[in-house]
Amino acid sequence: MIEAEINKFSGKKGFKYLKNSKEMFLLLEKYGNQEFAIENAQKLELLYSDRSYSNHNPCTKVHRLILELQELKNKHL
């Protein structure tokens, strides 16, 4: 899905996802939407009522870390 979305938004064809790619952050920064990703993650999180996170698929809770880091950044600017 990452390949298809980056190819669609970049106007280029042939992008291949490589795990641990050094260019991935730049591509996501350019073509991604962090707010949209956080909103989607929060919606997914609400689908699960139990606290057994290992059963939540997909649900990483990384969005919580991002929100905390943004809050710290804003606090110290």
Protein backbone atom coordinates (compact mmCIF):
# COMPACT_ATOMS: atom_id res chain seq x y z
CA MET A 1 0.00 0.00 0.00
CA ILE A 2 2.89 2.37 0.74
CA GLU A 3 4.31 1.82 -2.73
CA ALA A 4 0.96 2.51 -4.42
CA GLU A 5 0.32 5.69 -2.41
CA ILE A 6 3.80 7.15 -2.94
CA ASN A 7 3.67 6.33 -6.64
CA LYS A 8 0.24 8.00 -6.88
CA PHE A 9 1.17 11.20 -5.03
CA SER A 10 4.69 11.61 -6.38
CA GLY A 11 3.64 11.18 -9.99
CA LYS A 12 6.49 8.72 -10.39
CA LYS A 13 6.12 5.03 -11.02
CA GLY A 14 8.33 2.29 -9.78
CA PHE A 15 8.88 3.27 -6.15
CA LYS A 16 9.73 0.13 -4.20
CA TYR A 17 9.49 0.03 -0.42
CA LEU A 18 12.69 -1.09 1.25
CA LYS A 19 12.70 -1.77 4.97
CA ASN A 20 14.98 0.68 6.82
CA SER A 21 15.24 2.89 3.73
CA LYS A 22 16.98 6.17 4.53
CA GLU A 23 14.70 8.03 2.13
CA MET A 24 11.45 6.79 3.72
CA PHE A 25 11.24 9.60 6.29
CA LEU A 26 11.67 12.25 3.58
CA LEU A 27 9.04 10.62 1.39
CA LEU A 28 6.53 10.37 4.23
CA GLU A 29 7.28 13.94 5.26
CA LYS A 30 6.68 15.14 1.69
CA TYR A 31 3.69 12.98 0.70
CA GLY A 32 2.26 11.86 4.04
CA ASN A 33 -0.25 13.51 6.35
CA GLN A 34 0.63 13.13 10.02
CA GLU A 35 -2.67 14.55 11.31
CA PHE A 36 -4.65 12.14 9.14
CA ALA A 37 -2.50 9.21 10.30
CA ILE A 38 -3.04 10.12 13.96
CA GLU A 39 -6.80 10.46 13.43
CA ASN A 40 -6.91 7.02 11.80
CA ALA A 41 -4.84 5.49 14.60
CA GLN A 42 -7.16 6.97 17.22
CA LYS A 43 -10.20 5.54 15.41
CA LEU A 44 -8.56 2.11 15.27
CA GLU A 45 -7.72 2.30 18.96
CA LEU A 46 -11.39 2.90 19.80
CA LEU A 47 -12.38 -0.35 18.06
CA TYR A 48 -10.80 -2.37 20.86
CA SER A 49 -12.36 -2.45 24.32
CA ASP A 50 -9.99 -4.93 25.96
CA ARG A 51 -6.56 -3.94 27.26
CA SER A 52 -4.81 -6.95 25.74
CA TYR A 53 -2.86 -4.95 23.17
CA SER A 54 -1.32 -8.03 21.60
CA ASN A 55 -4.76 -8.86 20.18
CA HIS A 56 -5.14 -5.45 18.53
CA ASN A 57 -4.28 -5.71 14.88
CA PRO A 58 -3.45 -3.17 13.58
CA CYS A 59 -2.87 -0.96 16.59
CA THR A 60 0.62 0.15 17.60
CA LYS A 61 -0.12 3.16 19.83
CA VAL A 62 2.79 5.01 18.18
CA HIS A 63 0.40 7.91 17.70
CA ARG A 64 0.41 8.42 21.47
CA LEU A 65 4.19 8.81 21.41
CA ILE A 66 3.96 11.29 18.53
CA LEU A 67 1.36 13.36 20.38
CA GLU A 68 3.50 13.38 23.54
CA LEU A 69 6.57 14.46 21.59
CA GLN A 70 4.59 17.23 19.87
CA GLU A 71 3.34 18.42 23.26
CA LEU A 72 6.88 18.50 24.67
CA LYS A 73 8.13 20.35 21.61
CA ASN A 74 5.39 22.96 21.89
CA LYS A 75 6.00 23.34 25.62
CA HIS A 76 9.71 24.08 25.12
CA LEU A 77 9.47 26.44 22.13
